[in-house]
N, C-alpha and C. Protein backbone atom coordinates (compact mmCIF):
# COMPACT_ATOMS: atom_id res chain seq x y z
N MET A 1 17.54 9.85 0.85
CA MET A 1 17.94 8.57 0.86
C MET A 1 19.06 8.47 -0.29
N LYS A 2 19.66 7.83 0.03
CA LYS A 2 21.01 7.51 -1.08
C LYS A 2 20.27 6.78 -2.45
N PRO A 3 20.77 6.92 -3.75
CA PRO A 3 20.04 6.50 -5.01
C PRO A 3 20.50 4.73 -4.75
N SER A 4 21.43 4.27 -4.16
CA SER A 4 21.59 2.88 -4.00
C SER A 4 20.27 1.78 -3.34
N LEU A 5 20.39 2.76 -2.08
CA LEU A 5 19.07 2.56 -1.20
C LEU A 5 17.65 2.36 -2.03
N GLU A 6 17.44 3.57 -2.85
CA GLU A 6 16.30 3.92 -3.48
C GLU A 6 15.94 2.60 -4.43
N ALA A 7 17.14 2.10 -5.16
CA ALA A 7 17.23 1.26 -6.17
C ALA A 7 16.46 -0.17 -5.37
N LYS A 8 17.61 -0.34 -4.37
CA LYS A 8 17.24 -1.51 -3.58
C LYS A 8 15.60 -1.64 -2.66
N LEU A 9 15.05 -0.60 -2.53
CA LEU A 9 13.82 -0.48 -2.15
C LEU A 9 12.84 -0.61 -3.34
N TRP A 10 13.17 -0.37 -4.56
CA TRP A 10 12.29 -0.50 -5.77
C TRP A 10 12.22 -1.85 -6.23
N TYR A 11 13.45 -2.49 -6.18
CA TYR A 11 13.69 -3.96 -6.40
C TYR A 11 12.67 -4.74 -4.95
N ALA A 12 13.06 -4.22 -4.01
CA ALA A 12 12.18 -5.26 -2.89
C ALA A 12 10.65 -5.26 -3.20
N GLN A 13 10.46 -3.88 -3.42
CA GLN A 13 8.93 -3.66 -3.88
C GLN A 13 8.54 -4.51 -4.91
N ARG A 14 8.98 -4.47 -5.95
CA ARG A 14 8.69 -5.15 -7.29
C ARG A 14 8.69 -6.78 -7.19
N ILE A 15 9.80 -7.44 -6.51
CA ILE A 15 9.94 -8.79 -6.47
C ILE A 15 9.12 -9.54 -5.05
N SER A 16 8.21 -8.47 -4.26
CA SER A 16 7.43 -8.61 -3.35
C SER A 16 5.96 -8.89 -3.80
N ALA A 17 6.10 -7.74 -4.91
CA ALA A 17 4.70 -7.61 -5.39
C ALA A 17 4.49 -9.01 -6.25
N MET A 18 5.50 -9.60 -6.79
CA MET A 18 5.35 -10.73 -7.65
C MET A 18 4.93 -11.94 -7.14
N VAL A 19 5.68 -11.90 -5.69
CA VAL A 19 5.52 -13.44 -4.71
C VAL A 19 4.06 -12.89 -4.00
N LEU A 20 3.48 -11.81 -4.00
CA LEU A 20 2.27 -11.72 -3.45
C LEU A 20 1.06 -11.70 -4.40
N ALA A 21 1.66 -11.34 -6.02
CA ALA A 21 0.54 -12.03 -7.04
C ALA A 21 0.46 -13.50 -6.96
N LEU A 22 1.24 -14.19 -6.68
CA LEU A 22 1.13 -15.95 -6.97
C LEU A 22 0.51 -16.30 -5.90
N CYS A 23 0.99 -15.67 -4.58
CA CYS A 23 0.28 -16.16 -2.95
C CYS A 23 -1.26 -15.77 -3.19
N VAL A 24 -1.68 -14.35 -3.51
CA VAL A 24 -3.11 -14.24 -3.67
C VAL A 24 -3.74 -15.36 -4.93
N LEU A 25 -3.13 -15.60 -5.78
CA LEU A 25 -3.89 -16.96 -6.75
C LEU A 25 -3.79 -17.80 -6.34
N VAL A 26 -2.73 -18.28 -5.32
CA VAL A 26 -2.90 -19.68 -4.83
C VAL A 26 -4.00 -19.69 -3.85
N HIS A 27 -4.14 -18.91 -3.05
CA HIS A 27 -4.83 -18.55 -2.14
C HIS A 27 -6.25 -18.53 -2.07
N LEU A 28 -6.67 -17.75 -3.32
CA LEU A 28 -7.81 -17.90 -3.99
C LEU A 28 -8.35 -19.17 -4.44
N VAL A 29 -7.64 -19.60 -5.48
CA VAL A 29 -7.80 -21.01 -5.91
C VAL A 29 -8.28 -21.69 -4.78
N THR A 30 -7.42 -21.85 -3.71
CA THR A 30 -7.68 -22.98 -2.53
C THR A 30 -8.65 -22.68 -1.97
N ILE A 31 -9.03 -21.53 -1.96
CA ILE A 31 -10.64 -20.90 -1.18
C ILE A 31 -11.84 -21.39 -1.98
N LEU A 32 -11.44 -21.24 -3.49
CA LEU A 32 -12.90 -21.69 -4.29
C LEU A 32 -12.93 -23.48 -4.28
N ILE A 33 -11.54 -23.89 -4.45
CA ILE A 33 -11.74 -25.38 -4.27
C ILE A 33 -12.39 -26.03 -2.83
N ALA A 34 -12.15 -25.42 -1.88
CA ALA A 34 -12.38 -25.85 -0.33
C ALA A 34 -14.18 -25.48 -0.58
N VAL A 35 -14.48 -24.49 -0.99
CA VAL A 35 -16.01 -23.98 -0.80
C VAL A 35 -16.96 -24.86 -1.82
N LYS A 36 -16.33 -24.89 -2.66
CA LYS A 36 -16.96 -26.09 -4.13
C LYS A 36 -16.90 -27.23 -3.43
N GLY A 37 -15.99 -27.61 -2.78
CA GLY A 37 -16.02 -28.93 -1.97
C GLY A 37 -16.84 -29.28 -0.82
N GLY A 38 -17.49 -27.88 -0.37
CA GLY A 38 -18.39 -28.17 0.58
C GLY A 38 -17.92 -28.14 2.23
N LEU A 39 -16.71 -27.80 2.13
CA LEU A 39 -15.86 -27.76 3.54
C LEU A 39 -16.13 -26.50 4.24
N SER A 40 -16.34 -26.76 5.76
CA SER A 40 -16.45 -25.64 6.57
C SER A 40 -15.29 -24.95 7.03
N GLY A 41 -15.48 -23.92 7.87
CA GLY A 41 -14.15 -23.10 8.33
C GLY A 41 -13.58 -24.33 9.28
N ALA A 42 -14.36 -24.73 9.98
CA ALA A 42 -13.49 -25.85 11.08
C ALA A 42 -12.78 -27.17 10.19
N GLU A 43 -13.58 -27.32 9.25
CA GLU A 43 -12.67 -28.68 8.45
C GLU A 43 -11.30 -27.93 7.68
N ILE A 44 -11.29 -26.81 7.57
CA ILE A 44 -10.29 -26.38 6.64
C ILE A 44 -9.05 -26.26 7.85
N LEU A 45 -9.65 -25.58 8.58
CA LEU A 45 -8.43 -25.46 9.85
C LEU A 45 -8.17 -26.75 10.45
N SER A 46 -8.73 -27.59 10.91
CA SER A 46 -8.30 -29.01 10.77
C SER A 46 -7.20 -29.95 9.93
N ARG A 47 -7.28 -29.39 8.77
CA ARG A 47 -6.59 -29.82 7.71
C ARG A 47 -5.24 -28.92 7.61
N THR A 48 -5.40 -27.83 8.01
CA THR A 48 -4.18 -26.98 8.07
C THR A 48 -3.39 -27.09 9.21
N ARG A 49 -3.92 -27.73 10.56
CA ARG A 49 -2.96 -27.79 11.48
C ARG A 49 -1.82 -28.54 11.38
N ASP A 50 -0.67 -28.31 11.64
CA ASP A 50 0.42 -28.97 11.90
C ASP A 50 0.97 -29.16 10.33
N SER A 51 0.39 -28.19 9.49
CA SER A 51 0.97 -28.75 8.01
C SER A 51 2.12 -27.67 7.83
N THR A 52 3.31 -28.46 7.36
CA THR A 52 4.32 -27.35 7.22
C THR A 52 3.87 -26.49 5.90
N LEU A 53 3.80 -27.29 4.75
CA LEU A 53 3.19 -26.49 3.78
C LEU A 53 2.65 -25.15 3.92
N THR A 54 1.41 -25.31 4.77
CA THR A 54 0.59 -24.10 5.34
C THR A 54 1.48 -23.01 6.04
N LEU A 55 2.22 -23.83 6.82
CA LEU A 55 3.13 -22.80 7.50
C LEU A 55 4.30 -21.82 6.50
N LEU A 56 4.62 -22.76 5.94
CA LEU A 56 5.59 -22.00 4.68
C LEU A 56 4.97 -21.03 3.71
N PHE A 57 3.98 -21.82 3.15
CA PHE A 57 3.28 -20.72 2.26
C PHE A 57 2.88 -19.47 2.81
N TYR A 58 2.07 -19.49 3.84
CA TYR A 58 1.21 -18.22 4.58
C TYR A 58 2.20 -17.47 5.29
N GLY A 59 3.55 -17.74 5.51
CA GLY A 59 4.97 -17.35 6.32
C GLY A 59 5.59 -16.35 5.10
N THR A 60 5.38 -17.08 3.76
CA THR A 60 6.11 -16.34 2.74
C THR A 60 4.85 -15.17 2.23
N PHE A 61 3.87 -15.33 2.49
CA PHE A 61 2.84 -14.55 2.24
C PHE A 61 2.80 -13.33 2.82
N ILE A 62 3.09 -13.37 4.04
CA ILE A 62 3.25 -12.50 5.35
C ILE A 62 4.72 -11.80 4.98
N LEU A 63 5.52 -12.77 5.06
CA LEU A 63 6.71 -11.56 4.71
C LEU A 63 6.74 -11.00 3.43
N ALA A 64 5.96 -11.24 2.31
CA ALA A 64 5.89 -10.38 0.96
C ALA A 64 4.99 -9.31 1.41
N CYS A 65 4.00 -9.44 2.12
CA CYS A 65 3.17 -8.22 2.67
C CYS A 65 4.02 -7.47 3.58
N ALA A 66 4.83 -7.68 4.55
CA ALA A 66 5.57 -6.85 5.21
C ALA A 66 6.64 -6.28 4.56
N VAL A 67 7.13 -6.41 3.78
CA VAL A 67 8.12 -6.10 2.60
C VAL A 67 7.37 -5.00 1.67
N HIS A 68 6.35 -5.34 1.07
CA HIS A 68 5.53 -4.58 0.35
C HIS A 68 4.72 -3.58 0.92
N ALA A 69 4.11 -3.72 1.55
CA ALA A 69 3.11 -2.49 1.98
C ALA A 69 3.79 -1.26 2.58
N PRO A 70 4.85 -1.47 3.44
CA PRO A 70 5.67 -0.21 4.26
C PRO A 70 6.26 0.57 3.14
N ILE A 71 7.00 -0.05 2.21
CA ILE A 71 7.77 0.63 0.91
C ILE A 71 6.67 1.57 0.49
N GLY A 72 5.58 0.91 -0.21
CA GLY A 72 4.65 1.56 -0.76
C GLY A 72 3.70 2.60 0.22
N LEU A 73 3.99 2.50 1.17
CA LEU A 73 3.25 3.42 2.22
C LEU A 73 4.27 4.80 2.34
N MET A 74 5.58 3.91 2.62
CA MET A 74 6.53 5.16 2.76
C MET A 74 6.61 6.40 1.56
N LYS A 75 6.42 6.01 0.29
CA LYS A 75 6.35 6.66 -0.85
C LYS A 75 5.32 7.65 -0.65
N ILE A 76 3.79 6.86 -0.58
CA ILE A 76 3.00 8.02 -0.37
C ILE A 76 2.71 8.81 0.72
N LEU A 77 3.65 8.35 1.58
CA LEU A 77 3.95 9.62 3.11
C LEU A 77 4.64 10.88 2.46
N ILE A 78 5.50 10.62 1.78
CA ILE A 78 6.82 11.16 1.67
C ILE A 78 5.92 12.30 0.49
N GLU A 79 5.34 11.25 -0.67
CA GLU A 79 4.81 12.56 -1.72
C GLU A 79 3.65 13.06 -1.56
N TRP A 80 2.53 12.36 -0.87
CA TRP A 80 1.49 13.10 -0.89
C TRP A 80 1.34 14.24 0.72
N THR A 81 2.13 13.52 1.47
CA THR A 81 1.90 14.67 2.77
C THR A 81 3.42 15.55 3.07
N ARG A 82 4.23 15.12 2.37
CA ARG A 82 5.49 15.87 2.69
C ARG A 82 6.06 15.52 3.87
N THR A 83 6.01 14.31 4.13
CA THR A 83 6.83 13.84 5.49
C THR A 83 8.22 13.93 5.08
N PRO A 84 9.04 14.12 6.16
CA PRO A 84 10.34 14.20 5.73
C PRO A 84 10.77 12.67 5.57
N LYS A 85 11.65 12.23 5.00
CA LYS A 85 12.11 10.85 4.32
C LYS A 85 12.42 9.61 5.46
N ASN A 86 13.38 10.58 6.66
CA ASN A 86 13.70 9.94 7.61
C ASN A 86 12.55 9.37 8.70
N VAL A 87 11.53 10.46 8.51
CA VAL A 87 10.55 10.17 9.79
C VAL A 87 9.46 9.30 9.24
N ALA A 88 9.39 9.19 7.74
CA ALA A 88 8.63 8.32 6.80
C ALA A 88 9.40 6.80 7.26
N ALA A 89 10.44 7.02 6.78
CA ALA A 89 11.07 5.56 6.93
C ALA A 89 11.16 4.81 8.29
N ILE A 90 11.40 5.62 9.40
CA ILE A 90 10.69 4.99 10.30
C ILE A 90 9.45 4.35 10.97
N ALA A 91 8.83 5.59 10.61
CA ALA A 91 7.28 4.86 10.71
C ALA A 91 6.94 3.68 9.91
N CYS A 92 7.30 3.66 8.64
CA CYS A 92 6.79 2.55 7.96
C CYS A 92 7.84 1.28 8.28
N ALA A 93 8.84 1.66 8.58
CA ALA A 93 9.55 0.40 9.22
C ALA A 93 8.88 -0.19 10.45
N ALA A 94 8.44 0.39 11.23
CA ALA A 94 7.63 0.24 12.42
C ALA A 94 6.24 -0.29 12.04
N PHE A 95 5.48 0.16 11.04
CA PHE A 95 4.35 -0.51 10.63
C PHE A 95 4.74 -2.22 9.88
N GLY A 96 5.68 -2.11 9.13
CA GLY A 96 6.16 -3.36 8.46
C GLY A 96 6.51 -4.51 9.44
N ALA A 97 7.02 -4.04 10.85
CA ALA A 97 7.45 -5.12 11.90
C ALA A 97 6.06 -5.44 12.62
N LEU A 98 5.34 -4.44 12.59
CA LEU A 98 3.81 -4.99 12.90
C LEU A 98 3.15 -5.86 12.32
N LEU A 99 3.20 -5.50 11.06
CA LEU A 99 2.48 -6.53 9.94
C LEU A 99 3.53 -7.82 10.22
N LEU A 100 4.17 -8.09 10.08
CA LEU A 100 5.10 -9.17 10.67
C LEU A 100 4.46 -9.93 11.55
N VAL A 101 4.46 -9.01 12.50
CA VAL A 101 4.51 -9.75 14.06
C VAL A 101 2.92 -10.40 14.26
N VAL A 102 1.85 -9.50 13.82
CA VAL A 102 0.61 -9.93 13.64
C VAL A 102 0.52 -10.99 12.64
N GLY A 103 0.95 -10.80 11.54
CA GLY A 103 1.00 -12.11 10.64
C GLY A 103 1.44 -13.27 11.03
N CYS A 104 2.65 -13.23 11.46
CA CYS A 104 3.14 -14.70 12.23
C CYS A 104 2.46 -15.12 13.35
N CYS A 105 1.83 -14.10 14.25
CA CYS A 105 0.92 -14.66 14.70
C CYS A 105 -0.51 -15.51 14.43
N ALA A 106 -1.15 -14.89 13.37
CA ALA A 106 -2.21 -15.43 12.59
C ALA A 106 -1.62 -16.83 11.83
N VAL A 107 -0.79 -16.78 11.35
CA VAL A 107 0.01 -17.75 10.41
C VAL A 107 0.14 -18.99 11.71
N TRP A 108 0.72 -18.31 12.85
CA TRP A 108 0.85 -19.67 13.97
C TRP A 108 -0.33 -20.15 14.57
N GLY A 109 -1.31 -19.14 14.41
CA GLY A 109 -2.78 -19.81 15.12
C GLY A 109 -3.61 -20.81 14.01
N VAL A 110 -3.31 -20.42 12.78
CA VAL A 110 -3.64 -21.44 11.75
C VAL A 110 -3.11 -22.40 11.86
N TYR A 111 -1.76 -22.85 11.91
CA TYR A 111 -0.74 -24.01 11.96
C TYR A 111 -0.75 -24.73 13.24
N ARG A 112 -1.01 -24.05 14.46
CA ARG A 112 -1.24 -24.66 15.80
C ARG A 112 -2.52 -25.21 15.70
N GLY A 113 -3.36 -24.57 15.28
CA GLY A 113 -5.00 -24.79 16.03
C GLY A 113 -5.15 -23.95 16.93
């Protein structure tokens, strides 16, 4: 892998980690407020239906996951299992695409109910 690509992946993972940290914090605070308020799962889903804010927030969350996890997994595969870099990159890109598709389906399900 070229050093410039390594640097871009490093930055992408660090930036996505920052986004993930913020998203996890907001998500957990939202859960605590909803549970403390006595909302059921059905009530929560009824409030998220057709909410553009929900779609954008969880879409961002999914995108950050789809960037962050494959980069880390690729490094683990290369360093721990000695998988060739090109094989690890392809496998992890496919895993990232899978995360993105499954995550978008889940977000869409929450958005559209």
